[in-house]
Amino acid sequence: MANNVEITMLFDIYGEMLTEKQRDFLNYYYNDDLSLSEIAENEGITRQGVRDAIKRAETQLYDMEARLGFARKNEETAQRMNDIIACAEKINEYNLEHDLSREINETTVRIKSLALSVIE
């Protein structure tokens, strides 16, 4: 299952760099949950041909990630944004326990909102 999630994520990032057929096959297989046999029947090719095309496309996705690292960078950015959100929440909690500055409260809400917009 983890492999499916990983392929889907890589497909979202690098899919446009694949051929139209590769995109179609990956979409049918991972997003539409069609079997290799169903794809083969719909496309008028052998099951083995579909499997080979999907495996080549998966290899290309992994190669692109190894060279470019966009998925890894996105994951790192999301983690850092979650850390920023946690820090803003701590500041807000401290503020509520002590001075209750409206400006600090509004600023921490804005920080959290901006961080969430980056990772969504």
C-alpha atoms as a PDB file:
ATOM      1  CA  MET A   1       0.000   0.000   0.000  1.00  0.00           C
ATOM      2  CA  ALA A   2       2.827   2.403   0.829  1.00  0.00           C
ATOM      3  CA  ASN A   3       4.169   1.894  -2.677  1.00  0.00           C
ATOM      4  CA  ASN A   4       0.776   2.885  -4.140  1.00  0.00           C
ATOM      5  CA  VAL A   5       0.736   6.085  -2.093  1.00  0.00           C
ATOM      6  CA  GLU A   6       4.309   6.852  -3.126  1.00  0.00           C
ATOM      7  CA  ILE A   7       3.618   6.245  -6.826  1.00  0.00           C
ATOM      8  CA  THR A   8       0.462   8.369  -6.652  1.00  0.00           C
ATOM      9  CA  MET A   9       2.389  11.201  -5.016  1.00  0.00           C
ATOM     10  CA  LEU A  10       5.183  10.993  -7.605  1.00  0.00           C
ATOM     11  CA  PHE A  11       2.592  10.825 -10.380  1.00  0.00           C
ATOM     12  CA  ASP A  12       1.003  14.035  -9.084  1.00  0.00           C
ATOM     13  CA  ILE A  13       4.372  15.777  -9.171  1.00  0.00           C
ATOM     14  CA  TYR A  14       5.991  14.350 -12.313  1.00  0.00           C
ATOM     15  CA  GLY A  15       3.064  12.928 -14.276  1.00  0.00           C
ATOM     16  CA  GLU A  16       3.151  15.583 -16.972  1.00  0.00           C
ATOM     17  CA  MET A  17       6.661  14.465 -17.890  1.00  0.00           C
ATOM     18  CA  LEU A  18       5.423  10.999 -18.872  1.00  0.00           C
ATOM     19  CA  THR A  19       3.901  10.082 -22.224  1.00  0.00           C
ATOM     20  CA  GLU A  20       0.140  10.297 -22.575  1.00  0.00           C
ATOM     21  CA  LYS A  21      -0.146   6.481 -22.627  1.00  0.00           C
ATOM     22  CA  GLN A  22       1.966   6.145 -19.488  1.00  0.00           C
ATOM     23  CA  ARG A  23      -0.200   8.728 -17.735  1.00  0.00           C
ATOM     24  CA  ASP A  24      -3.352   6.948 -18.864  1.00  0.00           C
ATOM     25  CA  PHE A  25      -2.138   3.529 -17.704  1.00  0.00           C
ATOM     26  CA  LEU A  26      -0.993   4.827 -14.308  1.00  0.00           C
ATOM     27  CA  ASN A  27      -4.261   6.704 -13.893  1.00  0.00           C
ATOM     28  CA  TYR A  28      -6.321   3.622 -14.754  1.00  0.00           C
ATOM     29  CA  TYR A  29      -4.264   1.403 -12.490  1.00  0.00           C
ATOM     30  CA  TYR A  30      -3.744   3.612  -9.431  1.00  0.00           C
ATOM     31  CA  ASN A  31      -6.616   6.096  -9.507  1.00  0.00           C
ATOM     32  CA  ASP A  32      -9.397   4.142 -11.226  1.00  0.00           C
ATOM     33  CA  ASP A  33      -8.286   0.844  -9.627  1.00  0.00           C
ATOM     34  CA  LEU A  34      -8.554  -1.131 -12.872  1.00  0.00           C
ATOM     35  CA  SER A  35      -6.725  -4.433 -13.129  1.00  0.00           C
ATOM     36  CA  LEU A  36      -3.990  -5.041 -15.696  1.00  0.00           C
ATOM     37  CA  SER A  37      -6.407  -7.284 -17.602  1.00  0.00           C
ATOM     38  CA  GLU A  38      -9.124  -4.625 -17.639  1.00  0.00           C
ATOM     39  CA  ILE A  39      -6.705  -1.985 -18.914  1.00  0.00           C
ATOM     40  CA  ALA A  40      -5.385  -4.381 -21.550  1.00  0.00           C
ATOM     41  CA  GLU A  41      -8.885  -5.183 -22.758  1.00  0.00           C
ATOM     42  CA  ASN A  42      -9.859  -1.494 -22.905  1.00  0.00           C
ATOM     43  CA  GLU A  43      -6.660  -0.535 -24.730  1.00  0.00           C
ATOM     44  CA  GLY A  44      -6.512  -3.533 -27.063  1.00  0.00           C
ATOM     45  CA  ILE A  45      -3.069  -4.724 -25.932  1.00  0.00           C
ATOM     46  CA  THR A  46      -1.767  -7.603 -23.864  1.00  0.00           C
ATOM     47  CA  ARG A  47      -1.791  -7.689 -20.096  1.00  0.00           C
ATOM     48  CA  GLN A  48       1.990  -8.015 -20.198  1.00  0.00           C
ATOM     49  CA  GLY A  49       2.201  -4.910 -22.380  1.00  0.00           C
ATOM     50  CA  VAL A  50       0.224  -2.927 -19.817  1.00  0.00           C
ATOM     51  CA  ARG A  51       2.360  -4.256 -16.962  1.00  0.00           C
ATOM     52  CA  ASP A  52       5.582  -3.370 -18.793  1.00  0.00           C
ATOM     53  CA  ALA A  53       4.325   0.150 -19.573  1.00  0.00           C
ATOM     54  CA  ILE A  54       3.313   0.713 -15.950  1.00  0.00           C
ATOM     55  CA  LYS A  55       6.650  -0.602 -14.639  1.00  0.00           C
ATOM     56  CA  ARG A  56       8.576   1.658 -17.071  1.00  0.00           C
ATOM     57  CA  ALA A  57       6.501   4.656 -15.996  1.00  0.00           C
ATOM     58  CA  GLU A  58       7.057   3.850 -12.308  1.00  0.00           C
ATOM     59  CA  THR A  59      10.801   3.563 -12.927  1.00  0.00           C
ATOM     60  CA  GLN A  60      10.784   6.934 -14.659  1.00  0.00           C
ATOM     61  CA  LEU A  61       8.921   8.516 -11.743  1.00  0.00           C
ATOM     62  CA  TYR A  62      11.451   7.143  -9.257  1.00  0.00           C
ATOM     63  CA  ASP A  63      14.335   8.293 -11.487  1.00  0.00           C
ATOM     64  CA  MET A  64      12.894  11.814 -11.709  1.00  0.00           C
ATOM     65  CA  GLU A  65      12.504  11.946  -7.938  1.00  0.00           C
ATOM     66  CA  ALA A  66      16.068  10.713  -7.446  1.00  0.00           C
ATOM     67  CA  ARG A  67      17.370  13.448  -9.734  1.00  0.00           C
ATOM     68  CA  LEU A  68      15.078  16.330  -8.774  1.00  0.00           C
ATOM     69  CA  GLY A  69      13.875  15.506  -5.266  1.00  0.00           C
ATOM     70  CA  PHE A  70      10.660  17.541  -5.391  1.00  0.00           C
ATOM     71  CA  ALA A  71       8.637  15.022  -3.355  1.00  0.00           C
ATOM     72  CA  ARG A  72      11.327  14.912  -0.662  1.00  0.00           C
ATOM     73  CA  LYS A  73      11.496  18.721  -0.605  1.00  0.00           C
ATOM     74  CA  ASN A  74       7.696  18.957  -0.360  1.00  0.00           C
ATOM     75  CA  GLU A  75       7.716  16.534   2.552  1.00  0.00           C
ATOM     76  CA  GLU A  76      10.471  18.491   4.313  1.00  0.00           C
ATOM     77  CA  THR A  77       8.598  21.749   3.757  1.00  0.00           C
ATOM     78  CA  ALA A  78       5.400  20.254   5.169  1.00  0.00           C
ATOM     79  CA  GLN A  79       7.274  19.069   8.268  1.00  0.00           C
ATOM     80  CA  ARG A  80       8.825  22.508   8.795  1.00  0.00           C
ATOM     81  CA  MET A  81       5.447  24.186   8.375  1.00  0.00           C
ATOM     82  CA  ASN A  82       3.956  21.822  10.966  1.00  0.00           C
ATOM     83  CA  ASP A  83       6.816  22.768  13.302  1.00  0.00           C
ATOM     84  CA  ILE A  84       6.048  26.459  12.712  1.00  0.00           C
ATOM     85  CA  ILE A  85       2.367  25.830  13.477  1.00  0.00           C
ATOM     86  CA  ALA A  86       3.312  24.052  16.714  1.00  0.00           C
ATOM     87  CA  CYS A  87       5.537  26.983  17.726  1.00  0.00           C
ATOM     88  CA  ALA A  88       2.761  29.474  16.968  1.00  0.00           C
ATOM     89  CA  GLU A  89       0.376  27.431  19.106  1.00  0.00           C
ATOM     90  CA  LYS A  90       2.863  27.473  22.014  1.00  0.00           C
ATOM     91  CA  ILE A  91       3.231  31.251  21.704  1.00  0.00           C
ATOM     92  CA  ASN A  92      -0.535  31.625  21.669  1.00  0.00           C
ATOM     93  CA  GLU A  93      -0.931  29.389  24.753  1.00  0.00           C
ATOM     94  CA  TYR A  94       1.725  31.386  26.607  1.00  0.00           C
ATOM     95  CA  ASN A  95       0.028  34.601  25.585  1.00  0.00           C
ATOM     96  CA  LEU A  96      -3.329  33.387  26.895  1.00  0.00           C
ATOM     97  CA  GLU A  97      -1.764  32.361  30.223  1.00  0.00           C
ATOM     98  CA  HIS A  98       0.010  35.678  30.731  1.00  0.00           C
ATOM     99  CA  ASP A  99      -0.739  38.986  29.066  1.00  0.00           C
ATOM    100  CA  LEU A 100      -3.459  38.201  26.530  1.00  0.00           C
ATOM    101  CA  SER A 101      -2.148  40.541  23.874  1.00  0.00           C
ATOM    102  CA  ARG A 102      -4.622  40.778  21.003  1.00  0.00           C
ATOM    103  CA  GLU A 103      -1.790  41.574  18.568  1.00  0.00           C
ATOM    104  CA  ILE A 104       0.157  38.432  19.519  1.00  0.00           C
ATOM    105  CA  ASN A 105      -2.990  36.343  19.236  1.00  0.00           C
ATOM    106  CA  GLU A 106      -3.793  37.732  15.779  1.00  0.00           C
ATOM    107  CA  THR A 107      -0.190  37.270  14.654  1.00  0.00           C
ATOM    108  CA  THR A 108      -0.058  33.626  15.752  1.00  0.00           C
ATOM    109  CA  VAL A 109      -3.353  32.952  13.977  1.00  0.00           C
ATOM    110  CA  ARG A 110      -1.892  34.534  10.830  1.00  0.00           C
ATOM    111  CA  ILE A 111       1.320  32.490  11.117  1.00  0.00           C
ATOM    112  CA  LYS A 112      -0.686  29.273  11.414  1.00  0.00           C
ATOM    113  CA  SER A 113      -2.883  30.255   8.481  1.00  0.00           C
ATOM    114  CA  LEU A 114       0.102  31.037   6.257  1.00  0.00           C
ATOM    115  CA  ALA A 115       1.873  27.801   7.199  1.00  0.00           C
ATOM    116  CA  LEU A 116      -1.265  25.778   6.457  1.00  0.00           C
ATOM    117  CA  SER A 117      -1.618  27.451   3.061  1.00  0.00           C
ATOM    118  CA  VAL A 118       1.907  26.316   2.151  1.00  0.00           C
ATOM    119  CA  ILE A 119       1.271  22.654   2.932  1.00  0.00           C
ATOM    120  CA  GLU A 120      -2.226  22.355   1.452  1.00  0.00           C
END
